[in-house]
Amino acid sequence: MKSHVQILRALFFALALSLGFAGVVCAQEITGSIVGTVKDANGAAVSGATVTVTDSGTKLVMRTVQTNDDGQYTVRDLAVTTYDISVEAQNFKKHVESKVQVDVGRRRNLDITLEAGNIAA
């Protein structure tokens, strides 16, 4: 009878341990992000610029965000791959950064300086 109790205790402990590890596995991060600041040639923040993130391989637009009043932007929860980043703002030339790598759990910093121009195309 004692051996049955010991076996049941061991099984209960193993079950509790494996359920605890299941929570750890689910909590693992599988994405990365791109953050940065958009400025003009004089170093002033460009507010309201459109930042478009496109998968380099599939050419699908993954996300579009706007810069805040300080010219900052954040694109979270991106799958691990390479992206083309385009930035457009009124009275500035379009800027493109190609093959920007996003890695698991990493914040990729990508600051952009826009050139003055009369087109945003």
N, C-alpha and C. Protein backbone atom coordinates (compact mmCIF):
# COMPACT_ATOMS: atom_id res chain seq x y z
N MET A 1 0.81 -1.20 0.00
CA MET A 1 0.00 0.00 0.00
C MET A 1 0.86 1.26 0.00
N LYS A 2 1.97 1.22 0.78
CA LYS A 2 2.86 2.37 0.82
C LYS A 2 3.45 2.69 -0.55
N SER A 3 3.78 1.65 -1.28
CA SER A 3 4.38 1.88 -2.60
C SER A 3 3.38 2.53 -3.56
N HIS A 4 2.09 2.21 -3.43
CA HIS A 4 1.08 2.84 -4.27
C HIS A 4 0.97 4.33 -3.97
N VAL A 5 1.06 4.69 -2.72
CA VAL A 5 1.00 6.10 -2.32
C VAL A 5 2.21 6.84 -2.86
N GLN A 6 3.37 6.21 -2.78
CA GLN A 6 4.58 6.84 -3.30
C GLN A 6 4.50 7.02 -4.82
N ILE A 7 3.98 6.03 -5.50
CA ILE A 7 3.83 6.12 -6.95
C ILE A 7 2.85 7.23 -7.32
N LEU A 8 1.73 7.32 -6.60
CA LEU A 8 0.75 8.37 -6.86
C LEU A 8 1.35 9.75 -6.60
N ARG A 9 2.12 9.89 -5.54
CA ARG A 9 2.79 11.16 -5.24
C ARG A 9 3.75 11.53 -6.37
N ALA A 10 4.52 10.56 -6.83
CA ALA A 10 5.48 10.81 -7.91
C ALA A 10 4.76 11.22 -9.19
N LEU A 11 3.66 10.54 -9.52
CA LEU A 11 2.88 10.89 -10.71
C LEU A 11 2.27 12.29 -10.58
N PHE A 12 1.74 12.60 -9.39
CA PHE A 12 1.16 13.93 -9.17
C PHE A 12 2.24 15.00 -9.32
N PHE A 13 3.42 14.76 -8.76
CA PHE A 13 4.52 15.70 -8.85
C PHE A 13 4.95 15.89 -10.32
N ALA A 14 5.05 14.81 -11.07
CA ALA A 14 5.44 14.88 -12.48
C ALA A 14 4.39 15.64 -13.29
N LEU A 15 3.12 15.41 -12.99
CA LEU A 15 2.06 16.12 -13.69
C LEU A 15 2.11 17.62 -13.39
N ALA A 16 2.27 17.94 -12.12
CA ALA A 16 2.35 19.36 -11.73
C ALA A 16 3.56 20.03 -12.36
N LEU A 17 4.66 19.35 -12.40
CA LEU A 17 5.88 19.89 -12.99
C LEU A 17 5.72 20.11 -14.49
N SER A 18 5.12 19.16 -15.20
CA SER A 18 4.96 19.31 -16.65
C SER A 18 3.94 20.41 -16.98
N LEU A 19 2.91 20.59 -16.17
CA LEU A 19 1.96 21.68 -16.39
C LEU A 19 2.62 23.03 -16.14
N GLY A 20 3.50 23.08 -15.17
CA GLY A 20 4.23 24.32 -14.90
C GLY A 20 5.13 24.70 -16.06
N PHE A 21 5.80 23.73 -16.67
CA PHE A 21 6.65 24.01 -17.83
C PHE A 21 5.83 24.38 -19.06
N ALA A 22 4.63 23.88 -19.16
CA ALA A 22 3.78 24.23 -20.30
C ALA A 22 3.51 25.73 -20.32
N GLY A 23 3.32 26.33 -19.16
CA GLY A 23 3.12 27.77 -19.08
C GLY A 23 4.35 28.54 -19.50
N VAL A 24 5.52 28.03 -19.19
CA VAL A 24 6.76 28.69 -19.58
C VAL A 24 6.93 28.64 -21.09
N VAL A 25 6.63 27.51 -21.69
CA VAL A 25 6.76 27.36 -23.14
C VAL A 25 5.82 28.31 -23.87
N CYS A 26 4.60 28.46 -23.38
CA CYS A 26 3.64 29.34 -24.02
C CYS A 26 4.04 30.80 -23.93
N ALA A 27 4.80 31.15 -22.91
CA ALA A 27 5.16 32.54 -22.69
C ALA A 27 6.39 32.97 -23.49
N GLN A 28 7.00 32.08 -24.23
CA GLN A 28 8.17 32.45 -25.00
C GLN A 28 7.80 33.43 -26.11
N GLU A 29 8.70 34.38 -26.32
CA GLU A 29 8.48 35.39 -27.34
C GLU A 29 8.86 34.84 -28.71
N ILE A 30 8.06 35.17 -29.72
CA ILE A 30 8.35 34.68 -31.07
C ILE A 30 8.39 35.81 -32.08
N THR A 31 8.32 37.05 -31.61
CA THR A 31 8.31 38.20 -32.51
C THR A 31 9.37 39.21 -32.10
N GLY A 32 9.54 40.21 -32.94
CA GLY A 32 10.44 41.32 -32.65
C GLY A 32 9.75 42.62 -33.02
N SER A 33 10.49 43.72 -32.92
CA SER A 33 9.89 45.02 -33.24
C SER A 33 10.91 45.94 -33.88
N ILE A 34 10.39 46.99 -34.51
CA ILE A 34 11.22 48.03 -35.10
C ILE A 34 10.79 49.34 -34.47
N VAL A 35 11.75 50.09 -33.96
CA VAL A 35 11.48 51.39 -33.35
C VAL A 35 12.45 52.41 -33.92
N GLY A 36 12.08 53.67 -33.86
CA GLY A 36 13.00 54.69 -34.33
C GLY A 36 12.40 56.07 -34.29
N THR A 37 13.17 57.01 -34.81
CA THR A 37 12.77 58.40 -34.88
C THR A 37 12.98 58.90 -36.30
N VAL A 38 12.03 59.68 -36.79
CA VAL A 38 12.12 60.28 -38.12
C VAL A 38 12.40 61.76 -37.93
N LYS A 39 13.49 62.23 -38.55
CA LYS A 39 13.89 63.63 -38.44
C LYS A 39 14.17 64.21 -39.83
N ASP A 40 14.22 65.55 -39.89
CA ASP A 40 14.62 66.19 -41.14
C ASP A 40 16.12 66.40 -41.13
N ALA A 41 16.67 66.99 -42.18
CA ALA A 41 18.11 67.17 -42.32
C ALA A 41 18.70 68.06 -41.23
N ASN A 42 17.87 68.91 -40.61
CA ASN A 42 18.34 69.78 -39.53
C ASN A 42 18.23 69.14 -38.16
N GLY A 43 17.69 67.91 -38.10
CA GLY A 43 17.56 67.21 -36.83
C GLY A 43 16.24 67.42 -36.13
N ALA A 44 15.31 68.13 -36.76
CA ALA A 44 13.99 68.36 -36.16
C ALA A 44 13.10 67.13 -36.39
N ALA A 45 12.29 66.81 -35.41
CA ALA A 45 11.38 65.68 -35.50
C ALA A 45 10.34 65.92 -36.60
N VAL A 46 10.01 64.84 -37.32
CA VAL A 46 8.97 64.90 -38.34
C VAL A 46 7.74 64.19 -37.79
N SER A 47 6.77 64.99 -37.38
CA SER A 47 5.52 64.47 -36.81
C SER A 47 4.57 64.06 -37.93
N GLY A 48 3.84 62.96 -37.72
CA GLY A 48 2.83 62.54 -38.69
C GLY A 48 3.35 61.86 -39.93
N ALA A 49 4.62 61.47 -39.94
CA ALA A 49 5.16 60.73 -41.08
C ALA A 49 4.54 59.32 -41.10
N THR A 50 4.33 58.79 -42.28
CA THR A 50 3.78 57.44 -42.44
C THR A 50 4.93 56.45 -42.62
N VAL A 51 4.99 55.46 -41.73
CA VAL A 51 6.01 54.41 -41.77
C VAL A 51 5.31 53.12 -42.19
N THR A 52 5.73 52.57 -43.34
CA THR A 52 5.12 51.36 -43.87
C THR A 52 6.13 50.22 -43.82
N VAL A 53 5.72 49.10 -43.24
CA VAL A 53 6.58 47.92 -43.09
C VAL A 53 6.07 46.84 -44.04
N THR A 54 6.93 46.45 -45.00
CA THR A 54 6.58 45.47 -46.01
C THR A 54 7.51 44.28 -45.92
N ASP A 55 6.97 43.07 -45.94
CA ASP A 55 7.78 41.86 -45.92
C ASP A 55 8.62 41.83 -47.20
N SER A 56 9.95 41.75 -47.05
CA SER A 56 10.85 41.79 -48.21
C SER A 56 10.63 40.62 -49.16
N GLY A 57 10.28 39.47 -48.63
CA GLY A 57 10.11 38.29 -49.46
C GLY A 57 8.78 38.24 -50.19
N THR A 58 7.71 38.51 -49.47
CA THR A 58 6.36 38.38 -50.05
C THR A 58 5.84 39.68 -50.65
N LYS A 59 6.46 40.79 -50.30
CA LYS A 59 6.04 42.13 -50.76
C LYS A 59 4.66 42.53 -50.20
N LEU A 60 4.23 41.87 -49.13
CA LEU A 60 2.97 42.21 -48.48
C LEU A 60 3.20 43.27 -47.42
N VAL A 61 2.33 44.27 -47.39
CA VAL A 61 2.41 45.30 -46.34
C VAL A 61 1.95 44.66 -45.03
N MET A 62 2.83 44.70 -44.03
CA MET A 62 2.52 44.09 -42.74
C MET A 62 1.91 45.07 -41.76
N ARG A 63 2.36 46.31 -41.82
CA ARG A 63 1.88 47.31 -40.86
C ARG A 63 2.17 48.71 -41.36
N THR A 64 1.31 49.65 -41.03
CA THR A 64 1.52 51.06 -41.32
C THR A 64 1.24 51.84 -40.03
N VAL A 65 2.19 52.69 -39.64
CA VAL A 65 2.03 53.50 -38.42
C VAL A 65 2.40 54.95 -38.72
N GLN A 66 2.01 55.84 -37.84
CA GLN A 66 2.34 57.26 -37.94
C GLN A 66 3.33 57.62 -36.83
N THR A 67 4.24 58.55 -37.14
CA THR A 67 5.14 59.04 -36.09
C THR A 67 4.36 59.97 -35.16
N ASN A 68 4.79 60.02 -33.89
CA ASN A 68 4.14 60.90 -32.92
C ASN A 68 4.71 62.31 -33.01
N ASP A 69 4.36 63.17 -32.07
CA ASP A 69 4.82 64.57 -32.10
C ASP A 69 6.34 64.69 -32.01
N ASP A 70 6.99 63.69 -31.43
CA ASP A 70 8.45 63.69 -31.30
C ASP A 70 9.14 62.97 -32.46
N GLY A 71 8.35 62.57 -33.47
CA GLY A 71 8.90 61.87 -34.62
C GLY A 71 9.19 60.39 -34.37
N GLN A 72 8.73 59.87 -33.25
CA GLN A 72 9.02 58.48 -32.89
C GLN A 72 7.92 57.55 -33.41
N TYR A 73 8.34 56.32 -33.71
CA TYR A 73 7.40 55.29 -34.14
C TYR A 73 7.81 53.95 -33.53
N THR A 74 6.83 53.07 -33.40
CA THR A 74 7.07 51.72 -32.90
C THR A 74 6.19 50.76 -33.69
N VAL A 75 6.81 49.69 -34.18
CA VAL A 75 6.06 48.64 -34.88
C VAL A 75 6.37 47.34 -34.13
N ARG A 76 5.38 46.87 -33.38
CA ARG A 76 5.57 45.69 -32.52
C ARG A 76 5.04 44.42 -33.19
N ASP A 77 5.41 43.29 -32.58
CA ASP A 77 4.86 41.98 -32.93
C ASP A 77 5.05 41.63 -34.40
N LEU A 78 6.27 41.85 -34.90
CA LEU A 78 6.60 41.46 -36.26
C LEU A 78 7.23 40.08 -36.27
N ALA A 79 6.84 39.27 -37.23
CA ALA A 79 7.45 37.94 -37.38
C ALA A 79 8.93 38.10 -37.74
N VAL A 80 9.69 37.10 -37.40
CA VAL A 80 11.13 37.12 -37.67
C VAL A 80 11.37 36.92 -39.17
N THR A 81 11.83 37.97 -39.82
CA THR A 81 12.16 37.96 -41.25
C THR A 81 12.79 39.30 -41.59
N THR A 82 12.94 39.58 -42.88
CA THR A 82 13.45 40.89 -43.29
C THR A 82 12.30 41.72 -43.84
N TYR A 83 12.41 43.03 -43.64
CA TYR A 83 11.36 43.96 -44.06
C TYR A 83 11.95 45.13 -44.82
N ASP A 84 11.15 45.69 -45.71
CA ASP A 84 11.47 46.95 -46.36
C ASP A 84 10.65 48.01 -45.63
N ILE A 85 11.30 49.08 -45.21
CA ILE A 85 10.65 50.14 -44.46
C ILE A 85 10.62 51.39 -45.32
N SER A 86 9.43 51.93 -45.57
CA SER A 86 9.34 53.18 -46.31
C SER A 86 8.73 54.24 -45.40
N VAL A 87 9.25 55.46 -45.54
CA VAL A 87 8.78 56.58 -44.73
C VAL A 87 8.41 57.71 -45.68
N GLU A 88 7.18 58.23 -45.50
CA GLU A 88 6.70 59.32 -46.34
C GLU A 88 6.11 60.41 -45.46
N ALA A 89 6.38 61.65 -45.84
CA ALA A 89 5.80 62.81 -45.15
C ALA A 89 5.66 63.94 -46.15
N GLN A 90 4.68 64.77 -45.91
CA GLN A 90 4.43 65.90 -46.80
C GLN A 90 5.66 66.81 -46.84
N ASN A 91 6.03 67.25 -48.04
CA ASN A 91 7.17 68.13 -48.30
C ASN A 91 8.53 67.46 -48.13
N PHE A 92 8.54 66.11 -48.10
CA PHE A 92 9.79 65.35 -48.01
C PHE A 92 9.80 64.27 -49.08
N LYS A 93 11.00 63.88 -49.49
CA LYS A 93 11.15 62.76 -50.41
C LYS A 93 10.92 61.45 -49.66
N LYS A 94 10.36 60.48 -50.36
CA LYS A 94 10.15 59.15 -49.79
C LYS A 94 11.50 58.52 -49.48
N HIS A 95 11.60 57.88 -48.32
CA HIS A 95 12.83 57.21 -47.91
C HIS A 95 12.53 55.72 -47.75
N VAL A 96 13.41 54.86 -48.29
CA VAL A 96 13.22 53.41 -48.19
C VAL A 96 14.48 52.77 -47.63
N GLU A 97 14.29 51.92 -46.62
CA GLU A 97 15.37 51.08 -46.08
C GLU A 97 15.01 49.65 -46.44
N SER A 98 15.92 48.94 -47.13
CA SER A 98 15.65 47.58 -47.59
C SER A 98 16.29 46.54 -46.69
N LYS A 99 15.60 45.41 -46.63
CA LYS A 99 16.09 44.20 -45.94
C LYS A 99 16.52 44.48 -44.49
N VAL A 100 15.64 45.07 -43.73
CA VAL A 100 15.86 45.31 -42.31
C VAL A 100 15.49 44.03 -41.57
N GLN A 101 16.45 43.44 -40.87
CA GLN A 101 16.24 42.15 -40.19
C GLN A 101 15.58 42.36 -38.83
N VAL A 102 14.53 41.58 -38.58
CA VAL A 102 13.88 41.54 -37.26
C VAL A 102 14.17 40.19 -36.64
N ASP A 103 14.65 40.19 -35.40
CA ASP A 103 15.00 38.97 -34.68
C ASP A 103 14.08 38.78 -33.48
N VAL A 104 13.97 37.55 -33.01
CA VAL A 104 13.11 37.20 -31.88
C VAL A 104 13.50 37.99 -30.64
N GLY A 105 12.51 38.63 -30.04
CA GLY A 105 12.71 39.33 -28.78
C GLY A 105 13.56 40.58 -28.85
N ARG A 106 13.90 41.02 -30.04
CA ARG A 106 14.78 42.19 -30.21
C ARG A 106 14.00 43.40 -30.69
N ARG A 107 14.46 44.56 -30.23
CA ARG A 107 13.95 45.84 -30.73
C ARG A 107 14.99 46.39 -31.68
N ARG A 108 14.68 46.38 -32.95
CA ARG A 108 15.61 46.89 -33.96
C ARG A 108 15.43 48.39 -34.06
N ASN A 109 16.48 49.16 -33.77
CA ASN A 109 16.41 50.62 -33.85
C ASN A 109 16.72 51.06 -35.28
N LEU A 110 15.83 51.86 -35.85
CA LEU A 110 16.00 52.35 -37.21
C LEU A 110 15.58 53.82 -37.26
N ASP A 111 16.55 54.71 -37.10
CA ASP A 111 16.30 56.14 -37.20
C ASP A 111 16.43 56.56 -38.66
N ILE A 112 15.54 57.46 -39.09
CA ILE A 112 15.47 57.88 -40.49
C ILE A 112 15.62 59.39 -40.57
N THR A 113 16.41 59.84 -41.54
CA THR A 113 16.52 61.27 -41.85
C THR A 113 15.93 61.49 -43.23
N LEU A 114 14.92 62.34 -43.30
CA LEU A 114 14.24 62.63 -44.57
C LEU A 114 14.87 63.85 -45.24
N GLU A 115 14.92 63.78 -46.56
CA GLU A 115 15.40 64.92 -47.36
C GLU A 115 14.23 65.78 -47.78
N ALA A 116 14.44 67.09 -47.79
CA ALA A 116 13.38 68.00 -48.23
C ALA A 116 13.07 67.75 -49.70
N GLY A 117 11.82 67.91 -50.04
CA GLY A 117 11.39 67.71 -51.42
C GLY A 117 9.93 68.08 -51.53
N ASN A 118 9.45 68.26 -52.74
CA ASN A 118 8.07 68.66 -52.90
C ASN A 118 7.14 67.50 -53.18
N ILE A 119 7.67 66.25 -53.15
CA ILE A 119 6.83 65.09 -53.41
C ILE A 119 7.01 64.07 -52.30
N ALA A 120 5.99 63.32 -52.01
CA ALA A 120 6.06 62.22 -51.05
C ALA A 120 5.59 60.96 -51.75
N ALA A 121 6.24 60.65 -52.88
CA ALA A 121 5.81 59.48 -53.67
C ALA A 121 6.95 58.56 -53.93
